C-alpha cells in the first residue's frame, strides 16, 4: 500500500478530518491534502507527528512493514541487519538471544527507587511545575527504560490519544529535539508537548499550538509511561 493510502486510512481510523491533522502539523489543509494525494511528502519531523497523532508507526505509514504488533524503526533496522548476515552470523545472534532470554527469566525483578514529581505538567494550558517537589516510589526495574530520570504526572487531555490525564510520564535527562515529546517550563508553567519549530504542539487537534517564549526551558524528553502495575 502506498504512503498516501496508508495515511488516509490511518486518519479515517483515528476519526480526524484533514483540517484537524493539518492543524496539529502546523501546515495548511491544502498542503496536508497533498500528502494524501501523493503530490507531497512530509519531512521526518512531520512524519514523527503523524505517527504520534494517528497512533501508527512511521514504518507502517511508509509501507515498509506490515506488523501485527507495533514495530519501532530501531527494531526494523535490526531485522534488516540480521537478514544481511551469513548462516554463521545468524547462528551466533540466535545463541545470544536465547542466552539473554534465559538470563532474564532466571533473575528476579527487584524494585528500584524512582522520583515522581508531586506537581503535574499540563497537557492543556499549563500548570506550575516546581523544581524540587518530588516523592519517591518503588518501581519494577524492568519497567524503566534506559535513561529514565524522573516521572511527571499529566494534567489535561491535549496530548490524547497518546497520553491521558493522570498518566505518569517517564522523562529522561536528554533534551528533546524537534518532533519529540518533552516536558517544558515556560512563563512559570509546566507543559507536556511536542517540540515544534518555535512552538509547542498538542496531539489533540482541539488545542492550538503555543508560541515559545524566550524563557522556555526543556526539562527532558518523554521516553515512556509508568503504569499502575509497574509500582511495587
N, C-alpha and C. Protein backbone atom coordinates (compact mmCIF):
# COMPACT_ATOMS: atom_id res chain seq x y z
N UNK A 1 0.84 -1.19 0.00
CA UNK A 1 0.00 0.00 0.00
C UNK A 1 0.88 1.24 0.00
N UNK A 2 0.51 2.26 -0.77
CA UNK A 2 1.29 3.47 -0.87
C UNK A 2 1.20 4.30 0.41
N UNK A 3 2.15 5.23 0.58
CA UNK A 3 2.13 6.10 1.76
C UNK A 3 0.84 6.90 1.83
N UNK A 4 0.41 7.46 0.69
CA UNK A 4 -0.79 8.30 0.69
C UNK A 4 -2.02 7.50 1.11
N UNK A 5 -2.14 6.26 0.63
CA UNK A 5 -3.29 5.43 1.01
C UNK A 5 -3.22 5.02 2.48
N UNK A 6 -2.02 4.68 2.97
CA UNK A 6 -1.85 4.32 4.38
C UNK A 6 -2.21 5.50 5.28
N UNK A 7 -1.78 6.69 4.87
CA UNK A 7 -2.06 7.89 5.66
C UNK A 7 -3.55 8.17 5.70
N UNK A 8 -4.21 8.07 4.57
CA UNK A 8 -5.65 8.33 4.52
C UNK A 8 -6.41 7.34 5.40
N UNK A 9 -6.05 6.06 5.33
CA UNK A 9 -6.72 5.05 6.15
C UNK A 9 -6.48 5.29 7.63
N UNK A 10 -5.25 5.64 8.01
CA UNK A 10 -4.91 5.88 9.41
C UNK A 10 -5.68 7.09 9.95
N UNK A 11 -5.79 8.13 9.16
CA UNK A 11 -6.54 9.33 9.59
C UNK A 11 -8.02 9.01 9.78
N UNK A 12 -8.59 8.29 8.83
CA UNK A 12 -10.00 7.93 8.95
C UNK A 12 -10.25 7.01 10.15
N UNK A 13 -9.30 6.09 10.40
CA UNK A 13 -9.40 5.20 11.55
C UNK A 13 -9.37 5.99 12.86
N UNK A 14 -8.59 7.07 12.87
CA UNK A 14 -8.48 7.91 14.07
C UNK A 14 -9.68 8.84 14.23
N UNK A 15 -10.53 8.93 13.21
CA UNK A 15 -11.71 9.78 13.28
C UNK A 15 -11.40 11.27 13.17
N UNK A 16 -10.32 11.62 12.47
CA UNK A 16 -9.91 13.00 12.34
C UNK A 16 -10.13 13.50 10.91
N UNK A 17 -10.39 14.80 10.79
CA UNK A 17 -10.51 15.40 9.47
C UNK A 17 -9.14 15.84 8.97
N UNK A 18 -9.05 16.12 7.69
CA UNK A 18 -7.78 16.61 7.13
C UNK A 18 -7.39 17.93 7.78
N UNK A 19 -8.37 18.79 8.04
CA UNK A 19 -8.10 20.08 8.66
C UNK A 19 -7.54 19.92 10.07
N UNK A 20 -8.07 18.95 10.84
CA UNK A 20 -7.59 18.74 12.20
C UNK A 20 -6.14 18.25 12.21
N UNK A 21 -5.82 17.32 11.34
CA UNK A 21 -4.45 16.82 11.29
C UNK A 21 -3.50 17.92 10.83
N UNK A 22 -3.94 18.71 9.85
CA UNK A 22 -3.11 19.81 9.36
C UNK A 22 -2.81 20.80 10.49
N UNK A 23 -3.79 21.05 11.36
CA UNK A 23 -3.58 21.98 12.47
C UNK A 23 -2.51 21.47 13.42
N UNK A 24 -2.54 20.15 13.71
CA UNK A 24 -1.53 19.57 14.59
C UNK A 24 -0.14 19.69 13.97
N UNK A 25 -0.06 19.49 12.65
CA UNK A 25 1.24 19.55 11.96
C UNK A 25 1.73 20.98 11.76
N UNK A 26 0.81 21.95 11.92
CA UNK A 26 1.20 23.34 11.71
C UNK A 26 1.35 23.69 10.24
N UNK A 27 0.53 23.04 9.38
CA UNK A 27 0.59 23.30 7.94
C UNK A 27 -0.82 23.61 7.45
N UNK A 28 -0.93 24.06 6.21
CA UNK A 28 -2.25 24.34 5.64
C UNK A 28 -2.94 23.04 5.27
N UNK A 29 -4.27 23.09 5.20
CA UNK A 29 -5.03 21.90 4.82
C UNK A 29 -4.67 21.45 3.41
N UNK A 30 -4.43 22.40 2.51
CA UNK A 30 -4.08 22.03 1.13
C UNK A 30 -2.74 21.30 1.08
N UNK A 31 -1.79 21.73 1.93
CA UNK A 31 -0.50 21.02 1.98
C UNK A 31 -0.70 19.60 2.47
N UNK A 32 -1.53 19.44 3.51
CA UNK A 32 -1.78 18.09 4.02
C UNK A 32 -2.49 17.24 2.96
N UNK A 33 -3.45 17.82 2.26
CA UNK A 33 -4.15 17.07 1.21
C UNK A 33 -3.16 16.52 0.19
N UNK A 34 -2.08 17.27 -0.04
CA UNK A 34 -1.05 16.79 -0.95
C UNK A 34 -0.39 15.52 -0.48
N UNK A 35 -0.31 15.32 0.87
CA UNK A 35 0.22 14.08 1.41
C UNK A 35 -0.67 12.90 1.03
N UNK A 36 -1.99 13.13 1.09
CA UNK A 36 -2.94 12.03 0.83
C UNK A 36 -3.16 11.77 -0.66
N UNK A 37 -2.79 12.72 -1.49
CA UNK A 37 -2.93 12.50 -2.93
C UNK A 37 -1.62 12.05 -3.57
N UNK A 38 -0.53 12.10 -2.78
CA UNK A 38 0.76 11.67 -3.30
C UNK A 38 1.54 12.77 -3.99
N UNK A 39 1.02 14.02 -3.96
CA UNK A 39 1.72 15.13 -4.61
C UNK A 39 2.82 15.70 -3.73
N UNK A 40 2.74 15.46 -2.41
CA UNK A 40 3.74 15.97 -1.48
C UNK A 40 4.17 14.85 -0.54
N UNK A 41 5.35 15.01 0.07
CA UNK A 41 5.85 14.07 1.05
C UNK A 41 6.25 14.84 2.31
N UNK A 42 5.85 14.37 3.51
CA UNK A 42 6.25 15.06 4.73
C UNK A 42 7.72 14.85 5.04
N UNK A 43 8.34 15.83 5.72
CA UNK A 43 9.72 15.62 6.17
C UNK A 43 9.70 14.73 7.41
N UNK A 44 10.87 14.42 7.96
CA UNK A 44 10.96 13.47 9.06
C UNK A 44 10.24 13.98 10.31
N UNK A 45 10.27 15.30 10.56
CA UNK A 45 9.59 15.86 11.73
C UNK A 45 8.08 15.71 11.60
N UNK A 46 7.55 15.97 10.42
CA UNK A 46 6.11 15.83 10.20
C UNK A 46 5.71 14.36 10.28
N UNK A 47 6.58 13.47 9.81
CA UNK A 47 6.29 12.05 9.89
C UNK A 47 6.20 11.59 11.34
N UNK A 48 7.07 12.12 12.20
CA UNK A 48 7.01 11.80 13.63
C UNK A 48 5.67 12.23 14.22
N UNK A 49 5.25 13.44 13.90
CA UNK A 49 3.97 13.94 14.41
C UNK A 49 2.80 13.11 13.92
N UNK A 50 2.83 12.76 12.64
CA UNK A 50 1.77 11.91 12.08
C UNK A 50 1.71 10.58 12.82
N UNK A 51 2.87 10.00 13.08
CA UNK A 51 2.93 8.72 13.79
C UNK A 51 2.31 8.84 15.17
N UNK A 52 2.58 9.94 15.87
CA UNK A 52 2.06 10.14 17.22
C UNK A 52 0.55 10.37 17.22
N UNK A 53 0.09 11.30 16.39
CA UNK A 53 -1.32 11.68 16.44
C UNK A 53 -2.24 10.60 15.86
N UNK A 54 -1.73 9.81 14.90
CA UNK A 54 -2.55 8.77 14.28
C UNK A 54 -2.32 7.40 14.91
N UNK A 55 -1.38 7.32 15.87
CA UNK A 55 -1.08 6.08 16.60
C UNK A 55 -0.71 4.95 15.64
N UNK A 56 0.24 5.23 14.75
CA UNK A 56 0.72 4.24 13.79
C UNK A 56 2.21 4.48 13.61
N UNK A 57 2.99 3.43 13.44
CA UNK A 57 4.43 3.61 13.29
C UNK A 57 4.75 4.23 11.94
N UNK A 58 5.88 4.92 11.90
CA UNK A 58 6.31 5.51 10.65
C UNK A 58 6.55 4.47 9.57
N UNK A 59 7.05 3.29 9.98
CA UNK A 59 7.29 2.22 9.02
C UNK A 59 5.99 1.75 8.37
N UNK A 60 4.92 1.66 9.18
CA UNK A 60 3.63 1.24 8.62
C UNK A 60 3.10 2.30 7.66
N UNK A 61 3.26 3.57 8.03
CA UNK A 61 2.82 4.64 7.14
C UNK A 61 3.55 4.58 5.80
N UNK A 62 4.84 4.30 5.87
CA UNK A 62 5.65 4.26 4.65
C UNK A 62 5.51 2.96 3.88
N UNK A 63 4.79 1.99 4.48
CA UNK A 63 4.61 0.71 3.80
C UNK A 63 5.81 -0.18 3.86
N UNK A 64 6.75 0.10 4.81
CA UNK A 64 7.96 -0.71 4.91
C UNK A 64 7.69 -2.07 5.53
N UNK A 65 6.76 -2.10 6.50
CA UNK A 65 6.43 -3.33 7.19
C UNK A 65 4.94 -3.40 7.39
N UNK A 66 4.45 -4.61 7.62
CA UNK A 66 3.05 -4.81 7.94
C UNK A 66 2.95 -5.68 9.20
N UNK A 67 3.37 -5.13 10.36
CA UNK A 67 3.41 -5.92 11.58
C UNK A 67 2.04 -6.09 12.21
N UNK A 68 1.87 -7.18 12.96
CA UNK A 68 0.64 -7.35 13.74
C UNK A 68 0.77 -6.62 15.05
N UNK A 69 2.00 -6.31 15.46
CA UNK A 69 2.25 -5.51 16.66
C UNK A 69 3.11 -4.32 16.26
N UNK A 70 3.12 -3.31 17.11
CA UNK A 70 3.90 -2.11 16.82
C UNK A 70 5.39 -2.45 16.74
N UNK A 71 6.04 -2.01 15.69
CA UNK A 71 7.47 -2.24 15.49
C UNK A 71 8.15 -0.89 15.35
N UNK A 72 9.16 -0.65 16.16
CA UNK A 72 9.87 0.62 16.09
C UNK A 72 10.84 0.60 14.91
N UNK A 73 11.31 1.80 14.55
CA UNK A 73 12.29 1.91 13.46
C UNK A 73 13.57 1.15 13.81
N UNK A 74 14.00 1.26 15.08
CA UNK A 74 15.22 0.56 15.51
C UNK A 74 15.07 -0.95 15.36
N UNK A 75 13.90 -1.49 15.74
CA UNK A 75 13.67 -2.93 15.61
C UNK A 75 13.68 -3.35 14.15
N UNK A 76 13.09 -2.53 13.29
CA UNK A 76 13.07 -2.84 11.87
C UNK A 76 14.48 -2.85 11.30
N UNK A 77 15.32 -1.90 11.76
CA UNK A 77 16.71 -1.86 11.29
C UNK A 77 17.46 -3.11 11.74
N UNK A 78 17.17 -3.61 12.96
CA UNK A 78 17.81 -4.84 13.42
C UNK A 78 17.44 -6.02 12.51
N UNK A 79 16.18 -6.05 12.09
CA UNK A 79 15.74 -7.13 11.19
C UNK A 79 16.52 -7.08 9.88
N UNK A 80 16.69 -5.88 9.33
CA UNK A 80 17.43 -5.74 8.07
C UNK A 80 18.88 -6.19 8.24
N UNK A 81 19.50 -5.82 9.37
CA UNK A 81 20.89 -6.23 9.62
C UNK A 81 20.99 -7.74 9.78
N UNK A 82 20.03 -8.33 10.47
CA UNK A 82 20.04 -9.78 10.67
C UNK A 82 19.97 -10.50 9.32
N UNK A 83 19.13 -10.00 8.44
CA UNK A 83 18.97 -10.62 7.12
C UNK A 83 20.25 -10.53 6.28
N UNK A 84 21.10 -9.54 6.58
CA UNK A 84 22.32 -9.37 5.80
C UNK A 84 23.45 -10.29 6.27
N UNK A 85 23.25 -10.97 7.42
CA UNK A 85 24.29 -11.87 7.94
C UNK A 85 24.30 -13.19 7.19
N UNK A 86 25.46 -13.87 7.23
CA UNK A 86 25.51 -15.21 6.65
C UNK A 86 25.00 -16.21 7.70
N UNK A 87 25.00 -17.48 7.37
CA UNK A 87 24.45 -18.51 8.25
C UNK A 87 25.16 -18.53 9.61
N UNK A 88 26.49 -18.41 9.59
CA UNK A 88 27.25 -18.41 10.84
C UNK A 88 26.87 -17.22 11.71
N UNK A 89 26.77 -16.05 11.12
CA UNK A 89 26.41 -14.85 11.88
C UNK A 89 25.03 -14.94 12.49
N UNK A 90 24.06 -15.45 11.73
CA UNK A 90 22.70 -15.61 12.24
C UNK A 90 22.66 -16.59 13.40
N UNK A 91 23.47 -17.67 13.31
CA UNK A 91 23.51 -18.66 14.39
C UNK A 91 24.05 -18.03 15.68
N UNK A 92 25.07 -17.19 15.56
CA UNK A 92 25.63 -16.51 16.74
C UNK A 92 24.60 -15.57 17.38
N UNK A 93 23.89 -14.81 16.55
CA UNK A 93 22.87 -13.90 17.07
C UNK A 93 21.77 -14.68 17.78
N UNK A 94 21.35 -15.80 17.19
CA UNK A 94 20.31 -16.63 17.81
C UNK A 94 20.76 -17.15 19.17
N UNK A 95 22.03 -17.56 19.27
CA UNK A 95 22.56 -18.06 20.54
C UNK A 95 22.55 -16.97 21.62
N UNK A 96 22.94 -15.74 21.23
CA UNK A 96 22.95 -14.63 22.19
C UNK A 96 21.53 -14.33 22.67
N UNK A 97 20.58 -14.32 21.75
CA UNK A 97 19.19 -14.05 22.13
C UNK A 97 18.67 -15.10 23.10
N UNK A 98 18.94 -16.38 22.81
CA UNK A 98 18.49 -17.45 23.70
C UNK A 98 19.12 -17.32 25.08
N UNK A 99 20.42 -17.01 25.13
CA UNK A 99 21.12 -16.86 26.40
C UNK A 99 20.54 -15.71 27.22
N UNK A 100 20.24 -14.60 26.57
CA UNK A 100 19.69 -13.44 27.26
C UNK A 100 18.27 -13.71 27.76
N UNK A 101 17.48 -14.44 26.99
CA UNK A 101 16.13 -14.78 27.43
C UNK A 101 16.17 -15.66 28.68
N UNK A 102 17.08 -16.63 28.70
CA UNK A 102 17.23 -17.48 29.89
C UNK A 102 17.68 -16.66 31.08
N UNK A 103 18.62 -15.75 30.86
CA UNK A 103 19.14 -14.93 31.96
C UNK A 103 18.03 -14.07 32.57
N UNK A 104 17.22 -13.45 31.73
CA UNK A 104 16.16 -12.58 32.25
C UNK A 104 15.09 -13.38 32.98
N UNK A 105 14.81 -14.58 32.51
CA UNK A 105 13.79 -15.40 33.17
C UNK A 105 14.26 -15.94 34.51
N UNK A 106 15.57 -16.08 34.67
CA UNK A 106 16.11 -16.63 35.91
C UNK A 106 16.37 -15.58 36.99
N UNK A 107 16.47 -14.30 36.57
CA UNK A 107 16.79 -13.24 37.53
C UNK A 107 15.51 -12.56 38.01
N UNK A 108 15.27 -12.54 39.33
CA UNK A 108 14.08 -11.85 39.84
C UNK A 108 14.16 -10.36 39.58
N UNK A 109 12.98 -9.76 39.33
CA UNK A 109 12.91 -8.33 39.08
C UNK A 109 12.82 -7.59 40.41
N UNK A 110 13.84 -6.84 40.77
CA UNK A 110 13.88 -6.14 42.04
C UNK A 110 13.35 -4.72 41.87
N UNK A 111 12.67 -4.21 42.88
CA UNK A 111 12.17 -2.84 42.78
C UNK A 111 13.31 -1.83 42.92
N UNK A 112 13.17 -0.70 42.26
CA UNK A 112 14.14 0.38 42.37
C UNK A 112 13.39 1.66 42.76
N UNK A 113 14.11 2.58 43.41
CA UNK A 113 13.52 3.86 43.80
C UNK A 113 13.47 4.78 42.58
N UNK A 114 12.36 5.48 42.42
CA UNK A 114 12.18 6.36 41.27
C UNK A 114 11.49 7.63 41.73
N UNK A 115 12.01 8.78 41.30
CA UNK A 115 11.44 10.07 41.71
C UNK A 115 10.28 10.46 40.79
N UNK A 116 9.16 10.85 41.41
CA UNK A 116 7.99 11.32 40.67
C UNK A 116 7.58 12.69 41.21
N UNK A 117 7.38 13.63 40.33
CA UNK A 117 7.00 14.98 40.73
C UNK A 117 5.63 14.97 41.40
N UNK A 118 5.51 15.74 42.48
CA UNK A 118 4.22 15.90 43.14
C UNK A 118 3.31 16.85 42.36
N UNK A 119 3.90 17.59 41.44
CA UNK A 119 3.14 18.55 40.64
C UNK A 119 3.09 18.07 39.20
N UNK A 120 1.98 18.35 38.55
CA UNK A 120 1.77 17.84 37.20
C UNK A 120 2.28 18.82 36.15
N UNK A 121 2.55 18.28 34.98
CA UNK A 121 2.84 19.10 33.80
C UNK A 121 1.61 19.03 32.92
N UNK A 122 1.08 20.17 32.56
CA UNK A 122 -0.20 20.20 31.87
C UNK A 122 -0.08 19.77 30.42
N UNK A 123 -1.06 18.97 30.00
CA UNK A 123 -1.21 18.69 28.58
C UNK A 123 -2.30 19.60 28.03
N UNK A 124 -2.55 20.69 28.73
CA UNK A 124 -3.56 21.64 28.31
C UNK A 124 -2.99 23.03 28.25
N UNK A 125 -3.37 23.87 29.20
CA UNK A 125 -2.97 25.27 29.15
C UNK A 125 -1.77 25.58 30.01
N UNK A 126 -1.22 24.60 30.71
CA UNK A 126 -0.02 24.84 31.51
C UNK A 126 -0.32 24.93 32.99
N UNK A 127 0.46 24.26 33.81
CA UNK A 127 0.34 24.36 35.26
C UNK A 127 1.71 24.60 35.85
N UNK A 128 1.73 25.09 37.07
CA UNK A 128 3.01 25.35 37.72
C UNK A 128 3.75 24.04 37.93
N UNK A 129 5.03 24.03 37.64
CA UNK A 129 5.86 22.84 37.81
C UNK A 129 7.12 23.24 38.56
N UNK A 130 7.10 23.00 39.86
CA UNK A 130 8.21 23.41 40.71
C UNK A 130 9.44 22.56 40.48
N UNK A 131 10.61 23.03 40.87
CA UNK A 131 11.85 22.33 40.55
C UNK A 131 12.19 21.17 41.47
N UNK A 132 11.76 21.18 42.71
CA UNK A 132 12.27 20.19 43.66
C UNK A 132 11.18 19.49 44.47
N UNK A 133 9.98 19.43 43.99
CA UNK A 133 8.89 18.79 44.74
C UNK A 133 8.69 17.38 44.19
N UNK A 134 9.39 16.41 44.78
CA UNK A 134 9.32 15.04 44.30
C UNK A 134 9.02 14.09 45.46
N UNK A 135 8.39 12.99 45.14
CA UNK A 135 8.24 11.88 46.08
C UNK A 135 8.94 10.67 45.47
N UNK A 136 9.29 9.73 46.30
CA UNK A 136 9.98 8.53 45.83
C UNK A 136 9.03 7.35 45.87
N UNK A 137 8.95 6.62 44.76
CA UNK A 137 8.12 5.41 44.68
C UNK A 137 9.00 4.24 44.29
N UNK A 138 8.54 3.03 44.62
CA UNK A 138 9.26 1.82 44.22
C UNK A 138 8.64 1.29 42.93
N UNK A 139 9.51 1.04 41.95
CA UNK A 139 9.06 0.64 40.62
C UNK A 139 9.80 -0.62 40.19
N UNK A 140 9.12 -1.49 39.46
CA UNK A 140 9.79 -2.65 38.89
C UNK A 140 10.94 -2.18 38.00
N UNK A 141 12.12 -2.76 38.20
CA UNK A 141 13.30 -2.31 37.45
C UNK A 141 13.10 -2.46 35.95
N UNK A 142 12.39 -3.51 35.53
CA UNK A 142 12.22 -3.72 34.09
C UNK A 142 11.17 -2.79 33.47
N UNK A 143 10.50 -1.96 34.30
CA UNK A 143 9.51 -1.03 33.79
C UNK A 143 10.12 0.29 33.36
N UNK A 144 11.38 0.52 33.76
CA UNK A 144 12.03 1.79 33.46
C UNK A 144 12.97 1.64 32.26
N UNK A 145 12.72 2.37 31.18
CA UNK A 145 13.63 2.31 30.02
C UNK A 145 14.97 2.94 30.35
N UNK A 146 15.96 2.62 29.56
CA UNK A 146 17.30 3.17 29.77
C UNK A 146 17.26 4.69 29.70
N UNK A 147 17.88 5.33 30.69
CA UNK A 147 17.93 6.79 30.70
C UNK A 147 16.84 7.45 31.50
N UNK A 148 15.94 6.65 32.12
CA UNK A 148 14.85 7.23 32.91
C UNK A 148 15.41 8.03 34.08
N UNK A 149 14.98 9.29 34.20
CA UNK A 149 15.50 10.17 35.25
C UNK A 149 14.45 10.49 36.31
N UNK A 150 13.22 10.76 35.89
CA UNK A 150 12.15 11.09 36.84
C UNK A 150 10.79 10.95 36.16
N UNK A 151 9.74 11.01 36.96
CA UNK A 151 8.38 10.90 36.44
C UNK A 151 7.61 12.19 36.66
N UNK A 152 6.66 12.47 35.75
CA UNK A 152 5.81 13.65 35.86
C UNK A 152 4.37 13.26 35.50
N UNK A 153 3.40 13.50 36.41
CA UNK A 153 2.00 13.22 36.07
C UNK A 153 1.49 14.18 35.00
N UNK A 154 0.55 13.71 34.19
CA UNK A 154 -0.07 14.53 33.15
C UNK A 154 -1.36 15.13 33.70
N UNK A 155 -1.62 16.37 33.34
CA UNK A 155 -2.87 17.01 33.69
C UNK A 155 -3.51 17.55 32.42
N UNK A 156 -4.69 17.06 32.07
CA UNK A 156 -5.37 17.54 30.87
C UNK A 156 -5.40 16.51 29.76
N UNK A 157 -6.01 16.90 28.64
CA UNK A 157 -6.26 15.95 27.55
C UNK A 157 -5.66 16.38 26.21
N UNK A 158 -4.80 17.39 26.19
CA UNK A 158 -4.34 17.90 24.90
C UNK A 158 -3.33 16.99 24.22
N UNK A 159 -2.81 15.97 24.95
CA UNK A 159 -1.87 15.04 24.31
C UNK A 159 -2.53 13.70 24.00
N UNK A 160 -3.85 13.64 24.11
CA UNK A 160 -4.56 12.43 23.68
C UNK A 160 -4.52 12.37 22.15
N UNK A 161 -4.44 11.17 21.57
CA UNK A 161 -4.72 9.88 22.20
C UNK A 161 -3.51 9.17 22.78
N UNK A 162 -2.31 9.75 22.72
CA UNK A 162 -1.13 9.03 23.18
C UNK A 162 -0.98 9.07 24.70
N UNK A 163 -1.19 10.25 25.30
CA UNK A 163 -1.07 10.39 26.75
C UNK A 163 -2.36 10.95 27.31
N UNK A 164 -2.75 10.45 28.49
CA UNK A 164 -4.03 10.80 29.08
C UNK A 164 -3.86 11.47 30.44
N UNK A 165 -4.92 12.12 30.87
CA UNK A 165 -4.93 12.77 32.18
C UNK A 165 -4.57 11.76 33.27
N UNK A 166 -3.64 12.14 34.14
CA UNK A 166 -3.17 11.34 35.28
C UNK A 166 -2.14 10.28 34.90
N UNK A 167 -1.83 10.13 33.64
CA UNK A 167 -0.70 9.25 33.28
C UNK A 167 0.57 9.79 33.93
N UNK A 168 1.47 8.89 34.32
CA UNK A 168 2.77 9.30 34.82
C UNK A 168 3.79 9.08 33.72
N UNK A 169 4.35 10.15 33.21
CA UNK A 169 5.30 10.07 32.12
C UNK A 169 6.71 9.83 32.65
N UNK A 170 7.47 9.00 31.95
CA UNK A 170 8.87 8.76 32.28
C UNK A 170 9.71 9.69 31.43
N UNK A 171 10.54 10.50 32.11
CA UNK A 171 11.30 11.54 31.43
C UNK A 171 12.79 11.25 31.58
N UNK A 172 13.53 11.43 30.49
CA UNK A 172 14.98 11.27 30.53
C UNK A 172 15.63 12.64 30.66
N UNK A 173 16.92 12.64 30.96
CA UNK A 173 17.64 13.91 31.07
C UNK A 173 18.08 14.43 29.71
N UNK A 174 17.99 13.60 28.68
CA UNK A 174 18.34 14.06 27.34
C UNK A 174 17.30 15.05 26.85
N UNK A 175 17.73 16.07 26.14
CA UNK A 175 16.83 17.13 25.70
C UNK A 175 16.08 16.72 24.43
N UNK A 176 14.79 17.06 24.36
CA UNK A 176 14.02 16.71 23.17
C UNK A 176 14.47 17.50 21.95
N UNK A 177 14.40 16.84 20.81
CA UNK A 177 14.66 17.51 19.54
C UNK A 177 13.33 17.80 18.87
N UNK A 178 13.36 18.55 17.80
CA UNK A 178 12.13 18.90 17.10
C UNK A 178 11.39 17.63 16.67
N UNK A 179 10.11 17.55 17.03
CA UNK A 179 9.31 16.37 16.74
C UNK A 179 9.18 15.43 17.91
N UNK A 180 9.99 15.61 18.97
CA UNK A 180 9.92 14.77 20.16
C UNK A 180 8.91 15.33 21.16
N UNK A 181 8.36 14.44 21.99
CA UNK A 181 7.53 14.88 23.11
C UNK A 181 8.44 15.16 24.30
N UNK A 182 8.26 16.30 24.92
CA UNK A 182 9.10 16.67 26.05
C UNK A 182 8.31 17.37 27.13
N UNK A 183 8.98 17.59 28.27
CA UNK A 183 8.41 18.37 29.37
C UNK A 183 9.13 19.71 29.37
N UNK A 184 8.35 20.79 29.40
CA UNK A 184 8.90 22.13 29.28
C UNK A 184 8.36 23.04 30.38
N UNK A 185 9.15 24.01 30.78
CA UNK A 185 8.70 25.07 31.68
C UNK A 185 8.81 26.38 30.92
N UNK A 186 7.69 27.13 30.91
CA UNK A 186 7.67 28.41 30.21
C UNK A 186 6.74 29.37 30.95
N UNK A 187 7.25 30.53 31.24
CA UNK A 187 6.47 31.55 31.95
C UNK A 187 5.91 31.00 33.26
N UNK A 188 6.73 30.15 33.94
CA UNK A 188 6.34 29.61 35.23
C UNK A 188 5.36 28.45 35.18
N UNK A 189 5.02 27.98 34.00
CA UNK A 189 4.06 26.88 33.86
C UNK A 189 4.73 25.68 33.21
N UNK A 190 4.28 24.45 33.59
CA UNK A 190 4.83 23.23 33.02
C UNK A 190 3.95 22.68 31.92
N UNK A 191 4.56 22.16 30.87
CA UNK A 191 3.82 21.65 29.72
C UNK A 191 4.39 20.30 29.28
N UNK A 192 3.51 19.43 28.80
CA UNK A 192 3.90 18.23 28.06
C UNK A 192 3.45 18.45 26.63
N UNK A 193 4.38 18.62 25.73
CA UNK A 193 4.05 18.96 24.35
C UNK A 193 5.07 18.37 23.39
N UNK A 194 4.73 18.41 22.11
CA UNK A 194 5.69 18.10 21.04
C UNK A 194 6.46 19.37 20.72
N UNK A 195 7.77 19.26 20.65
CA UNK A 195 8.60 20.42 20.32
C UNK A 195 8.51 20.68 18.82
N UNK A 196 7.96 21.84 18.48
CA UNK A 196 7.85 22.22 17.08
C UNK A 196 8.88 23.27 16.71
N UNK A 197 8.67 23.91 15.60
CA UNK A 197 9.55 24.97 15.13
C UNK A 197 9.06 26.31 15.69
N UNK A 198 9.55 26.65 16.88
CA UNK A 198 9.13 27.90 17.52
C UNK A 198 7.81 27.82 18.23
N UNK A 199 7.29 26.61 18.44
CA UNK A 199 6.01 26.45 19.12
C UNK A 199 5.93 25.08 19.78
N UNK A 200 5.06 24.98 20.79
CA UNK A 200 4.78 23.71 21.45
C UNK A 200 3.46 23.18 20.90
N UNK A 201 3.47 21.93 20.46
CA UNK A 201 2.34 21.39 19.71
C UNK A 201 1.62 20.31 20.52
N UNK A 202 0.28 20.38 20.52
CA UNK A 202 -0.55 19.35 21.14
C UNK A 202 -0.89 18.29 20.10
N UNK A 203 -1.13 17.06 20.57
CA UNK A 203 -1.58 15.99 19.66
C UNK A 203 -3.08 16.04 19.45
N UNK A 204 -3.80 16.58 20.43
CA UNK A 204 -5.25 16.74 20.32
C UNK A 204 -5.53 17.96 19.44
N UNK A 205 -6.19 17.77 18.29
CA UNK A 205 -6.41 18.89 17.37
C UNK A 205 -7.27 20.01 17.96
N UNK A 206 -7.92 19.77 19.11
CA UNK A 206 -8.75 20.81 19.71
C UNK A 206 -7.91 21.94 20.31
N UNK A 207 -6.60 21.70 20.46
CA UNK A 207 -5.72 22.70 21.07
C UNK A 207 -4.78 23.28 20.03
N UNK A 208 -4.72 24.59 19.98
CA UNK A 208 -3.84 25.28 19.03
C UNK A 208 -2.40 25.26 19.55
N UNK A 209 -1.41 25.32 18.67
CA UNK A 209 0.00 25.39 19.11
C UNK A 209 0.24 26.60 19.99
N UNK A 210 1.20 26.47 20.91
CA UNK A 210 1.55 27.55 21.83
C UNK A 210 2.89 28.14 21.40
N UNK A 211 2.94 29.43 21.07
CA UNK A 211 4.22 30.04 20.68
C UNK A 211 5.23 29.96 21.82
N UNK A 212 6.47 29.64 21.50
CA UNK A 212 7.51 29.52 22.52
C UNK A 212 8.05 30.90 22.88
N UNK A 213 8.20 31.12 24.20
CA UNK A 213 8.76 32.38 24.69
C UNK A 213 10.26 32.22 24.93
N UNK A 214 10.93 33.33 25.16
CA UNK A 214 12.37 33.30 25.35
C UNK A 214 12.78 32.58 26.63
N UNK A 215 11.87 32.54 27.62
CA UNK A 215 12.23 31.93 28.90
C UNK A 215 11.97 30.43 28.94
N UNK A 216 11.65 29.81 27.80
CA UNK A 216 11.32 28.38 27.78
C UNK A 216 12.54 27.54 28.19
N UNK A 217 12.26 26.49 28.96
CA UNK A 217 13.33 25.59 29.39
C UNK A 217 12.84 24.15 29.26
N UNK A 218 13.60 23.32 28.59
CA UNK A 218 13.25 21.90 28.46
C UNK A 218 13.74 21.14 29.69
N UNK A 219 12.86 20.33 30.27
CA UNK A 219 13.23 19.52 31.44
C UNK A 219 13.71 18.13 31.04
N UNK A 220 13.32 17.67 29.85
CA UNK A 220 13.73 16.35 29.40
C UNK A 220 12.79 15.80 28.35
N UNK A 221 13.19 14.69 27.77
CA UNK A 221 12.42 14.03 26.72
C UNK A 221 11.57 12.91 27.31
N UNK A 222 10.31 12.82 26.91
CA UNK A 222 9.42 11.76 27.38
C UNK A 222 9.77 10.46 26.65
N UNK A 223 10.07 9.40 27.44
CA UNK A 223 10.51 8.14 26.83
C UNK A 223 9.61 6.97 27.22
N UNK A 224 8.52 7.23 27.93
CA UNK A 224 7.63 6.12 28.28
C UNK A 224 6.56 6.57 29.26
N UNK A 225 5.75 5.59 29.67
CA UNK A 225 4.67 5.83 30.64
C UNK A 225 4.76 4.80 31.74
N UNK A 226 4.58 5.26 32.98
CA UNK A 226 4.60 4.37 34.14
C UNK A 226 3.19 3.94 34.45
N UNK A 227 2.96 2.63 34.46
CA UNK A 227 1.62 2.09 34.70
C UNK A 227 1.44 1.66 36.15
N UNK A 228 0.20 1.54 36.57
CA UNK A 228 -0.09 1.15 37.96
C UNK A 228 0.54 -0.19 38.30
N UNK A 229 0.55 -1.10 37.33
CA UNK A 229 1.10 -2.43 37.55
C UNK A 229 2.62 -2.41 37.71
N UNK A 230 3.27 -1.29 37.34
CA UNK A 230 4.72 -1.19 37.46
C UNK A 230 5.16 -0.80 38.85
N UNK A 231 4.22 -0.31 39.68
CA UNK A 231 4.55 0.12 41.04
C UNK A 231 4.60 -1.07 41.98
N UNK A 232 5.53 -1.06 42.91
CA UNK A 232 5.68 -2.15 43.87
C UNK A 232 5.05 -1.78 45.21
